[in-house]
PDB file of all heavy atoms in Angstrom:
ATOM      1  N   ALA A   1     -10.007 -12.715   9.193  1.00  0.00           N
ATOM      2  CA  ALA A   1      -9.263 -13.957   8.970  1.00  0.00           C
ATOM      3  C   ALA A   1      -8.730 -14.033   7.538  1.00  0.00           C
ATOM      4  O   ALA A   1      -7.632 -14.545   7.305  1.00  0.00           O
ATOM      5  CB  ALA A   1     -10.143 -15.162   9.273  1.00  0.00           C
ATOM      6  N   SER A   2      -9.486 -13.499   6.591  1.00  0.00           N
ATOM      7  CA  SER A   2      -9.034 -13.499   5.193  1.00  0.00           C
ATOM      8  C   SER A   2      -7.839 -12.565   5.010  1.00  0.00           C
ATOM      9  O   SER A   2      -6.910 -12.867   4.251  1.00  0.00           O
ATOM     10  CB  SER A   2     -10.167 -13.078   4.263  1.00  0.00           C
ATOM     11  OG  SER A   2     -11.213 -14.019   4.302  1.00  0.00           O
ATOM     12  N   ILE A   3      -7.869 -11.434   5.708  1.00  0.00           N
ATOM     13  CA  ILE A   3      -6.747 -10.491   5.630  1.00  0.00           C
ATOM     14  C   ILE A   3      -5.510 -11.111   6.267  1.00  0.00           C
ATOM     15  O   ILE A   3      -4.407 -11.023   5.723  1.00  0.00           O
ATOM     16  CB  ILE A   3      -7.129  -9.150   6.285  1.00  0.00           C
ATOM     17  CG1 ILE A   3      -8.243  -8.495   5.469  1.00  0.00           C
ATOM     18  CG2 ILE A   3      -5.917  -8.235   6.401  1.00  0.00           C
ATOM     19  CD1 ILE A   3      -8.896  -7.313   6.124  1.00  0.00           C
ATOM     20  N   GLN A   4      -5.696 -11.765   7.409  1.00  0.00           N
ATOM     21  CA  GLN A   4      -4.576 -12.445   8.057  1.00  0.00           C
ATOM     22  C   GLN A   4      -4.009 -13.529   7.149  1.00  0.00           C
ATOM     23  O   GLN A   4      -2.793 -13.703   7.065  1.00  0.00           O
ATOM     24  CB  GLN A   4      -5.014 -13.052   9.391  1.00  0.00           C
ATOM     25  CG  GLN A   4      -5.250 -12.006  10.454  1.00  0.00           C
ATOM     26  CD  GLN A   4      -5.850 -12.591  11.720  1.00  0.00           C
ATOM     27  OE1 GLN A   4      -6.807 -13.359  11.667  1.00  0.00           O
ATOM     28  NE2 GLN A   4      -5.296 -12.186  12.857  1.00  0.00           N
ATOM     29  N   SER A   5      -4.876 -14.218   6.447  1.00  0.00           N
ATOM     30  CA  SER A   5      -4.433 -15.254   5.523  1.00  0.00           C
ATOM     31  C   SER A   5      -3.642 -14.659   4.359  1.00  0.00           C
ATOM     32  O   SER A   5      -2.654 -15.243   3.908  1.00  0.00           O
ATOM     33  CB  SER A   5      -5.650 -16.016   4.995  1.00  0.00           C
ATOM     34  OG  SER A   5      -5.269 -16.934   4.010  1.00  0.00           O
ATOM     35  N   ALA A   6      -4.067 -13.485   3.893  1.00  0.00           N
ATOM     36  CA  ALA A   6      -3.412 -12.846   2.746  1.00  0.00           C
ATOM     37  C   ALA A   6      -2.028 -12.298   3.097  1.00  0.00           C
ATOM     38  O   ALA A   6      -1.121 -12.318   2.260  1.00  0.00           O
ATOM     39  CB  ALA A   6      -4.290 -11.719   2.199  1.00  0.00           C
ATOM     40  N   PHE A   7      -1.867 -11.793   4.330  1.00  0.00           N
ATOM     41  CA  PHE A   7      -0.612 -11.125   4.685  1.00  0.00           C
ATOM     42  C   PHE A   7       0.197 -11.841   5.763  1.00  0.00           C
ATOM     43  O   PHE A   7       1.406 -11.641   5.849  1.00  0.00           O
ATOM     44  CB  PHE A   7      -0.885  -9.676   5.110  1.00  0.00           C
ATOM     45  CG  PHE A   7      -1.384  -8.823   3.983  1.00  0.00           C
ATOM     46  CD1 PHE A   7      -2.732  -8.526   3.858  1.00  0.00           C
ATOM     47  CD2 PHE A   7      -0.507  -8.336   3.027  1.00  0.00           C
ATOM     48  CE1 PHE A   7      -3.191  -7.745   2.806  1.00  0.00           C
ATOM     49  CE2 PHE A   7      -0.962  -7.560   1.971  1.00  0.00           C
ATOM     50  CZ  PHE A   7      -2.320  -7.269   1.862  1.00  0.00           C
ATOM     51  N   GLY A   8      -0.432 -12.598   6.601  1.00  0.00           N
ATOM     52  CA  GLY A   8       0.289 -13.327   7.652  1.00  0.00           C
ATOM     53  C   GLY A   8       0.507 -12.513   8.907  1.00  0.00           C
ATOM     54  O   GLY A   8       0.026 -12.862   9.966  1.00  0.00           O
ATOM     55  N   THR A   9       1.236 -11.403   8.779  1.00  0.00           N
ATOM     56  CA  THR A   9       1.515 -10.559   9.939  1.00  0.00           C
ATOM     57  C   THR A   9       1.291  -9.094   9.558  1.00  0.00           C
ATOM     58  O   THR A   9       1.282  -8.736   8.372  1.00  0.00           O
ATOM     59  CB  THR A   9       2.978 -10.705  10.417  1.00  0.00           C
ATOM     60  OG1 THR A   9       3.850 -10.198   9.401  1.00  0.00           O
ATOM     61  CG2 THR A   9       3.322 -12.153  10.751  1.00  0.00           C
ATOM     62  N   ARG A  10       1.149  -8.271  10.562  1.00  0.00           N
ATOM     63  CA  ARG A  10       1.003  -6.834  10.321  1.00  0.00           C
ATOM     64  C   ARG A  10       2.254  -6.286   9.639  1.00  0.00           C
ATOM     65  O   ARG A  10       2.173  -5.422   8.762  1.00  0.00           O
ATOM     66  CB  ARG A  10       0.762  -6.095  11.648  1.00  0.00           C
ATOM     67  CG  ARG A  10       0.601  -4.599  11.469  1.00  0.00           C
ATOM     68  CD  ARG A  10       0.202  -3.937  12.797  1.00  0.00           C
ATOM     69  NE  ARG A  10      -0.014  -2.516  12.617  1.00  0.00           N
ATOM     70  CZ  ARG A  10       0.940  -1.589  12.716  1.00  0.00           C
ATOM     71  NH1 ARG A  10       2.183  -1.948  13.002  1.00  0.00           N
ATOM     72  NH2 ARG A  10       0.666  -0.323  12.542  1.00  0.00           N
ATOM     73  N   GLU A  11       3.422  -6.779  10.021  1.00  0.00           N
ATOM     74  CA  GLU A  11       4.668  -6.324   9.405  1.00  0.00           C
ATOM     75  C   GLU A  11       4.698  -6.651   7.918  1.00  0.00           C
ATOM     76  O   GLU A  11       5.176  -5.856   7.117  1.00  0.00           O
ATOM     77  CB  GLU A  11       5.882  -6.929  10.129  1.00  0.00           C
ATOM     78  CG  GLU A  11       6.161  -6.316  11.485  1.00  0.00           C
ATOM     79  CD  GLU A  11       5.155  -6.719  12.565  1.00  0.00           C
ATOM     80  OE1 GLU A  11       4.503  -7.798  12.442  1.00  0.00           O
ATOM     81  OE2 GLU A  11       5.005  -5.954  13.528  1.00  0.00           O
ATOM     82  N   LYS A  12       4.162  -7.819   7.550  1.00  0.00           N
ATOM     83  CA  LYS A  12       4.107  -8.168   6.124  1.00  0.00           C
ATOM     84  C   LYS A  12       3.095  -7.295   5.385  1.00  0.00           C
ATOM     85  O   LYS A  12       3.295  -6.987   4.207  1.00  0.00           O
ATOM     86  CB  LYS A  12       3.805  -9.648   5.945  1.00  0.00           C
ATOM     87  CG  LYS A  12       4.997 -10.520   6.303  1.00  0.00           C
ATOM     88  CD  LYS A  12       4.719 -11.982   6.052  1.00  0.00           C
ATOM     89  CE  LYS A  12       5.928 -12.806   6.482  1.00  0.00           C
ATOM     90  NZ  LYS A  12       5.661 -14.236   6.362  1.00  0.00           N
ATOM     91  N   LEU A  13       2.046  -6.895   6.056  1.00  0.00           N
ATOM     92  CA  LEU A  13       1.097  -5.948   5.465  1.00  0.00           C
ATOM     93  C   LEU A  13       1.780  -4.605   5.227  1.00  0.00           C
ATOM     94  O   LEU A  13       1.687  -4.026   4.137  1.00  0.00           O
ATOM     95  CB  LEU A  13      -0.125  -5.773   6.381  1.00  0.00           C
ATOM     96  CG  LEU A  13      -1.095  -4.646   6.041  1.00  0.00           C
ATOM     97  CD1 LEU A  13      -1.692  -4.814   4.651  1.00  0.00           C
ATOM     98  CD2 LEU A  13      -2.197  -4.589   7.100  1.00  0.00           C
ATOM     99  N   LEU A  14       2.492  -4.112   6.232  1.00  0.00           N
ATOM    100  CA  LEU A  14       3.233  -2.856   6.083  1.00  0.00           C
ATOM    101  C   LEU A  14       4.272  -2.972   4.970  1.00  0.00           C
ATOM    102  O   LEU A  14       4.422  -2.065   4.144  1.00  0.00           O
ATOM    103  CB  LEU A  14       3.907  -2.469   7.401  1.00  0.00           C
ATOM    104  CG  LEU A  14       2.972  -2.053   8.537  1.00  0.00           C
ATOM    105  CD1 LEU A  14       3.736  -1.975   9.861  1.00  0.00           C
ATOM    106  CD2 LEU A  14       2.276  -0.744   8.229  1.00  0.00           C
ATOM    107  N   ASP A  15       4.975  -4.098   4.933  1.00  0.00           N
ATOM    108  CA  ASP A  15       5.971  -4.299   3.883  1.00  0.00           C
ATOM    109  C   ASP A  15       5.302  -4.371   2.514  1.00  0.00           C
ATOM    110  O   ASP A  15       5.878  -3.943   1.512  1.00  0.00           O
ATOM    111  CB  ASP A  15       6.819  -5.538   4.148  1.00  0.00           C
ATOM    112  CG  ASP A  15       8.123  -5.518   3.376  1.00  0.00           C
ATOM    113  OD1 ASP A  15       8.782  -4.454   3.334  1.00  0.00           O
ATOM    114  OD2 ASP A  15       8.488  -6.561   2.811  1.00  0.00           O
ATOM    115  N   GLY A  16       4.086  -4.882   2.460  1.00  0.00           N
ATOM    116  CA  GLY A  16       3.336  -4.897   1.204  1.00  0.00           C
ATOM    117  C   GLY A  16       3.082  -3.485   0.695  1.00  0.00           C
ATOM    118  O   GLY A  16       3.168  -3.220  -0.510  1.00  0.00           O
ATOM    119  N   LEU A  17       2.776  -2.570   1.618  1.00  0.00           N
ATOM    120  CA  LEU A  17       2.606  -1.163   1.231  1.00  0.00           C
ATOM    121  C   LEU A  17       3.908  -0.578   0.706  1.00  0.00           C
ATOM    122  O   LEU A  17       3.932   0.135  -0.300  1.00  0.00           O
ATOM    123  CB  LEU A  17       2.122  -0.339   2.432  1.00  0.00           C
ATOM    124  CG  LEU A  17       0.678  -0.513   2.841  1.00  0.00           C
ATOM    125  CD1 LEU A  17       0.420   0.187   4.174  1.00  0.00           C
ATOM    126  CD2 LEU A  17      -0.265   0.005   1.769  1.00  0.00           C
ATOM    127  N   ILE A  18       4.995  -0.898   1.384  1.00  0.00           N
ATOM    128  CA  ILE A  18       6.304  -0.384   0.971  1.00  0.00           C
ATOM    129  C   ILE A  18       6.708  -0.986  -0.374  1.00  0.00           C
ATOM    130  O   ILE A  18       7.199  -0.280  -1.257  1.00  0.00           O
ATOM    131  CB  ILE A  18       7.359  -0.661   2.062  1.00  0.00           C
ATOM    132  CG1 ILE A  18       7.014   0.152   3.320  1.00  0.00           C
ATOM    133  CG2 ILE A  18       8.764  -0.344   1.565  1.00  0.00           C
ATOM    134  CD1 ILE A  18       7.759  -0.282   4.557  1.00  0.00           C
ATOM    135  N   GLU A  19       6.492  -2.279  -0.534  1.00  0.00           N
ATOM    136  CA  GLU A  19       6.819  -2.952  -1.790  1.00  0.00           C
ATOM    137  C   GLU A  19       6.042  -2.336  -2.954  1.00  0.00           C
ATOM    138  O   GLU A  19       6.590  -2.114  -4.033  1.00  0.00           O
ATOM    139  CB  GLU A  19       6.500  -4.438  -1.674  1.00  0.00           C
ATOM    140  CG  GLU A  19       6.832  -5.234  -2.908  1.00  0.00           C
ATOM    141  CD  GLU A  19       6.476  -6.707  -2.737  1.00  0.00           C
ATOM    142  OE1 GLU A  19       6.144  -7.145  -1.618  1.00  0.00           O
ATOM    143  OE2 GLU A  19       6.526  -7.422  -3.743  1.00  0.00           O
ATOM    144  N   ARG A  20       4.775  -2.026  -2.729  1.00  0.00           N
ATOM    145  CA  ARG A  20       3.966  -1.414  -3.787  1.00  0.00           C
ATOM    146  C   ARG A  20       4.499  -0.023  -4.117  1.00  0.00           C
ATOM    147  O   ARG A  20       4.625   0.342  -5.284  1.00  0.00           O
ATOM    148  CB  ARG A  20       2.498  -1.359  -3.378  1.00  0.00           C
ATOM    149  CG  ARG A  20       1.632  -0.780  -4.481  1.00  0.00           C
ATOM    150  CD  ARG A  20       0.199  -1.090  -4.285  1.00  0.00           C
ATOM    151  NE  ARG A  20      -0.414  -0.170  -3.360  1.00  0.00           N
ATOM    152  CZ  ARG A  20      -1.722   0.014  -3.308  1.00  0.00           C
ATOM    153  NH1 ARG A  20      -2.530  -0.660  -4.098  1.00  0.00           N
ATOM    154  NH2 ARG A  20      -2.219   0.857  -2.446  1.00  0.00           N
ATOM    155  N   TRP A  21       4.835   0.777  -3.088  1.00  0.00           N
ATOM    156  CA  TRP A  21       5.417   2.095  -3.340  1.00  0.00           C
ATOM    157  C   TRP A  21       6.693   1.949  -4.175  1.00  0.00           C
ATOM    158  O   TRP A  21       6.899   2.685  -5.141  1.00  0.00           O
ATOM    159  CB  TRP A  21       5.724   2.821  -2.025  1.00  0.00           C
ATOM    160  CG  TRP A  21       6.579   4.025  -2.250  1.00  0.00           C
ATOM    161  CD1 TRP A  21       6.150   5.280  -2.578  1.00  0.00           C
ATOM    162  CD2 TRP A  21       8.007   4.082  -2.250  1.00  0.00           C
ATOM    163  NE1 TRP A  21       7.233   6.110  -2.762  1.00  0.00           N
ATOM    164  CE2 TRP A  21       8.387   5.397  -2.571  1.00  0.00           C
ATOM    165  CE3 TRP A  21       9.013   3.144  -2.012  1.00  0.00           C
ATOM    166  CZ2 TRP A  21       9.715   5.796  -2.653  1.00  0.00           C
ATOM    167  CZ3 TRP A  21      10.326   3.544  -2.093  1.00  0.00           C
ATOM    168  CH2 TRP A  21      10.668   4.865  -2.403  1.00  0.00           C
ATOM    169  N   ALA A  22       7.548   0.989  -3.798  1.00  0.00           N
ATOM    170  CA  ALA A  22       8.818   0.793  -4.496  1.00  0.00           C
ATOM    171  C   ALA A  22       8.584   0.410  -5.958  1.00  0.00           C
ATOM    172  O   ALA A  22       9.308   0.865  -6.845  1.00  0.00           O
ATOM    173  CB  ALA A  22       9.658  -0.273  -3.787  1.00  0.00           C
ATOM    174  N   ARG A  23       7.569  -0.393  -6.208  1.00  0.00           N
ATOM    175  CA  ARG A  23       7.250  -0.809  -7.579  1.00  0.00           C
ATOM    176  C   ARG A  23       6.831   0.402  -8.419  1.00  0.00           C
ATOM    177  O   ARG A  23       7.337   0.602  -9.525  1.00  0.00           O
ATOM    178  CB  ARG A  23       6.144  -1.869  -7.537  1.00  0.00           C
ATOM    179  CG  ARG A  23       5.878  -2.549  -8.846  1.00  0.00           C
ATOM    180  CD  ARG A  23       4.918  -3.729  -8.712  1.00  0.00           C
ATOM    181  NE  ARG A  23       3.654  -3.362  -8.104  1.00  0.00           N
ATOM    182  CZ  ARG A  23       3.190  -3.851  -6.962  1.00  0.00           C
ATOM    183  NH1 ARG A  23       3.891  -4.718  -6.276  1.00  0.00           N
ATOM    184  NH2 ARG A  23       2.020  -3.478  -6.484  1.00  0.00           N
ATOM    185  N   TYR A  24       5.942   1.229  -7.887  1.00  0.00           N
ATOM    186  CA  TYR A  24       5.498   2.428  -8.610  1.00  0.00           C
ATOM    187  C   TYR A  24       6.650   3.408  -8.799  1.00  0.00           C
ATOM    188  O   TYR A  24       6.817   3.979  -9.870  1.00  0.00           O
ATOM    189  CB  TYR A  24       4.357   3.122  -7.875  1.00  0.00           C
ATOM    190  CG  TYR A  24       3.061   2.360  -7.864  1.00  0.00           C
ATOM    191  CD1 TYR A  24       2.202   2.461  -6.781  1.00  0.00           C
ATOM    192  CD2 TYR A  24       2.676   1.538  -8.919  1.00  0.00           C
ATOM    193  CE1 TYR A  24       0.991   1.766  -6.751  1.00  0.00           C
ATOM    194  CE2 TYR A  24       1.489   0.840  -8.893  1.00  0.00           C
ATOM    195  CZ  TYR A  24       0.648   0.952  -7.813  1.00  0.00           C
ATOM    196  OH  TYR A  24      -0.537   0.280  -7.779  1.00  0.00           O
ATOM    197  N   GLU A  25       7.431   3.592  -7.764  1.00  0.00           N
ATOM    198  CA  GLU A  25       8.550   4.526  -7.852  1.00  0.00           C
ATOM    199  C   GLU A  25       9.564   4.025  -8.869  1.00  0.00           C
ATOM    200  O   GLU A  25      10.131   4.814  -9.620  1.00  0.00           O
ATOM    201  CB  GLU A  25       9.193   4.711  -6.466  1.00  0.00           C
ATOM    202  CG  GLU A  25      10.092   5.927  -6.362  1.00  0.00           C
ATOM    203  CD  GLU A  25      11.451   5.761  -7.008  1.00  0.00           C
ATOM    204  OE1 GLU A  25      11.912   4.615  -7.163  1.00  0.00           O
ATOM    205  OE2 GLU A  25      12.061   6.787  -7.362  1.00  0.00           O
ATOM    206  N   ASN A  26       9.788   2.717  -8.911  1.00  0.00           N
ATOM    207  CA  ASN A  26      10.746   2.162  -9.857  1.00  0.00           C
ATOM    208  C   ASN A  26      10.269   2.343 -11.301  1.00  0.00           C
ATOM    209  O   ASN A  26      11.090   2.553 -12.198  1.00  0.00           O
ATOM    210  CB  ASN A  26      11.024   0.686  -9.566  1.00  0.00           C
ATOM    211  CG  ASN A  26      12.262   0.204 -10.276  1.00  0.00           C
ATOM    212  OD1 ASN A  26      13.306   0.854 -10.226  1.00  0.00           O
ATOM    213  ND2 ASN A  26      12.152  -0.911 -10.972  1.00  0.00           N
ATOM    214  N   GLU A  27       8.971   2.289 -11.533  1.00  0.00           N
ATOM    215  CA  GLU A  27       8.442   2.553 -12.875  1.00  0.00           C
ATOM    216  C   GLU A  27       8.770   3.981 -13.298  1.00  0.00           C
ATOM    217  O   GLU A  27       9.197   4.221 -14.433  1.00  0.00           O
ATOM    218  CB  GLU A  27       6.934   2.320 -12.915  1.00  0.00           C
ATOM    219  CG  GLU A  27       6.542   0.863 -12.828  1.00  0.00           C
ATOM    220  CD  GLU A  27       5.048   0.664 -12.633  1.00  0.00           C
ATOM    221  OE1 GLU A  27       4.274   1.646 -12.721  1.00  0.00           O
ATOM    222  OE2 GLU A  27       4.646  -0.494 -12.390  1.00  0.00           O
ATOM    223  N   ARG A  28       8.586   4.921 -12.389  1.00  0.00           N
ATOM    224  CA  ARG A  28       8.913   6.327 -12.694  1.00  0.00           C
ATOM    225  C   ARG A  28      10.421   6.473 -12.924  1.00  0.00           C
ATOM    226  O   ARG A  28      10.854   7.193 -13.826  1.00  0.00           O
ATOM    227  CB  ARG A  28       8.469   7.244 -11.553  1.00  0.00           C
ATOM    228  CG  ARG A  28       6.984   7.323 -11.382  1.00  0.00           C
ATOM    229  CD  ARG A  28       6.597   8.275 -10.289  1.00  0.00           C
ATOM    230  NE  ARG A  28       7.751   8.519  -9.424  1.00  0.00           N
ATOM    231  CZ  ARG A  28       7.713   9.075  -8.254  1.00  0.00           C
ATOM    232  NH1 ARG A  28       6.611   9.487  -7.759  1.00  0.00           N
ATOM    233  NH2 ARG A  28       8.800   9.243  -7.533  1.00  0.00           N
ATOM    234  N   TYR A  29      11.209   5.796 -12.102  1.00  0.00           N
ATOM    235  CA  TYR A  29      12.669   5.848 -12.225  1.00  0.00           C
ATOM    236  C   TYR A  29      13.124   5.304 -13.576  1.00  0.00           C
ATOM    237  O   TYR A  29      13.947   5.919 -14.251  1.00  0.00           O
ATOM    238  CB  TYR A  29      13.296   5.060 -11.070  1.00  0.00           C
ATOM    239  CG  TYR A  29      14.782   4.872 -11.159  1.00  0.00           C
ATOM    240  CD1 TYR A  29      15.659   5.920 -10.893  1.00  0.00           C
ATOM    241  CD2 TYR A  29      15.323   3.634 -11.499  1.00  0.00           C
ATOM    242  CE1 TYR A  29      17.031   5.738 -10.955  1.00  0.00           C
ATOM    243  CE2 TYR A  29      16.696   3.445 -11.566  1.00  0.00           C
ATOM    244  CZ  TYR A  29      17.541   4.507 -11.292  1.00  0.00           C
ATOM    245  OH  TYR A  29      18.889   4.327 -11.364  1.00  0.00           O
ATOM    246  N   GLN A  30      12.604   4.144 -13.959  1.00  0.00           N
ATOM    247  CA  GLN A  30      12.990   3.544 -15.234  1.00  0.00           C
ATOM    248  C   GLN A  30      12.624   4.456 -16.404  1.00  0.00           C
ATOM    249  O   GLN A  30      13.376   4.578 -17.369  1.00  0.00           O
ATOM    250  CB  GLN A  30      12.343   2.162 -15.416  1.00  0.00           C
ATOM    251  CG  GLN A  30      12.872   1.102 -14.465  1.00  0.00           C
ATOM    252  CD  GLN A  30      14.361   0.856 -14.614  1.00  0.00           C
ATOM    253  OE1 GLN A  30      14.919   0.905 -15.703  1.00  0.00           O
ATOM    254  NE2 GLN A  30      15.026   0.581 -13.496  1.00  0.00           N
ATOM    255  N   SER A  31      11.496   5.130 -16.298  1.00  0.00           N
ATOM    256  CA  SER A  31      11.088   6.084 -17.334  1.00  0.00           C
ATOM    257  C   SER A  31      12.062   7.253 -17.406  1.00  0.00           C
ATOM    258  O   SER A  31      12.453   7.682 -18.496  1.00  0.00           O
ATOM    259  CB  SER A  31       9.668   6.577 -17.037  1.00  0.00           C
ATOM    260  OG  SER A  31       9.276   7.537 -17.970  1.00  0.00           O
ATOM    261  N   ALA A  32      12.463   7.772 -16.257  1.00  0.00           N
ATOM    262  CA  ALA A  32      13.417   8.884 -16.220  1.00  0.00           C
ATOM    263  C   ALA A  32      14.809   8.431 -16.662  1.00  0.00           C
ATOM    264  O   ALA A  32      15.548   9.199 -17.278  1.00  0.00           O
ATOM    265  CB  ALA A  32      13.488   9.485 -14.813  1.00  0.00           C
ATOM    266  N   LEU A  33      15.147   7.186 -16.381  1.00  0.00           N
ATOM    267  CA  LEU A  33      16.474   6.653 -16.700  1.00  0.00           C
ATOM    268  C   LEU A  33      16.663   6.453 -18.199  1.00  0.00           C
ATOM    269  O   LEU A  33      17.710   6.798 -18.746  1.00  0.00           O
ATOM    270  CB  LEU A  33      16.690   5.330 -15.952  1.00  0.00           C
ATOM    271  CG  LEU A  33      18.031   4.637 -16.098  1.00  0.00           C
ATOM    272  CD1 LEU A  33      19.159   5.517 -15.584  1.00  0.00           C
ATOM    273  CD2 LEU A  33      18.005   3.309 -15.348  1.00  0.00           C
ATOM    274  N   GLY A  34      15.662   5.909 -18.848  1.00  0.00           N
ATOM    275  CA  GLY A  34      15.797   5.638 -20.275  1.00  0.00           C
ATOM    276  C   GLY A  34      16.842   4.573 -20.551  1.00  0.00           C
ATOM    277  O   GLY A  34      17.061   3.678 -19.738  1.00  0.00           O
ATOM    278  N   ALA A  35      17.511   4.703 -21.689  1.00  0.00           N
ATOM    279  CA  ALA A  35      18.466   3.685 -22.123  1.00  0.00           C
ATOM    280  C   ALA A  35      19.870   3.888 -21.555  1.00  0.00           C
ATOM    281  O   ALA A  35      20.678   2.972 -21.550  1.00  0.00           O
ATOM    282  CB  ALA A  35      18.541   3.670 -23.654  1.00  0.00           C
ATOM    283  N   ASP A  36      20.160   5.085 -21.062  1.00  0.00           N
ATOM    284  CA  ASP A  36      21.494   5.405 -20.540  1.00  0.00           C
ATOM    285  C   ASP A  36      21.567   5.016 -19.060  1.00  0.00           C
ATOM    286  O   ASP A  36      21.014   5.690 -18.206  1.00  0.00           O
ATOM    287  CB  ASP A  36      21.772   6.904 -20.713  1.00  0.00           C
ATOM    288  CG  ASP A  36      23.131   7.327 -20.165  1.00  0.00           C
ATOM    289  OD1 ASP A  36      23.897   6.473 -19.670  1.00  0.00           O
ATOM    290  OD2 ASP A  36      23.417   8.538 -20.220  1.00  0.00           O
ATOM    291  N   HIS A  37      22.266   3.925 -18.771  1.00  0.00           N
ATOM    292  CA  HIS A  37      22.367   3.420 -17.398  1.00  0.00           C
ATOM    293  C   HIS A  37      23.695   3.786 -16.741  1.00  0.00           C
ATOM    294  O   HIS A  37      24.127   3.129 -15.798  1.00  0.00           O
ATOM    295  CB  HIS A  37      22.169   1.903 -17.378  1.00  0.00           C
ATOM    296  CG  HIS A  37      20.763   1.495 -17.660  1.00  0.00           C
ATOM    297  ND1 HIS A  37      20.074   0.614 -16.885  1.00  0.00           N
ATOM    298  CD2 HIS A  37      19.899   1.872 -18.625  1.00  0.00           C
ATOM    299  CE1 HIS A  37      18.859   0.458 -17.359  1.00  0.00           C
ATOM    300  NE2 HIS A  37      18.731   1.213 -18.425  1.00  0.00           N
TER     301      HIS A  37
END
């Protein structure tokens, strides 16, 4: 019940995994990008 409360639906749980991956990947991207956009 606590997990259901935290995420709402299984799809939101899956999206939470994807969102976390995107956040980590974006940190690596920003590091590789530097100041030149």
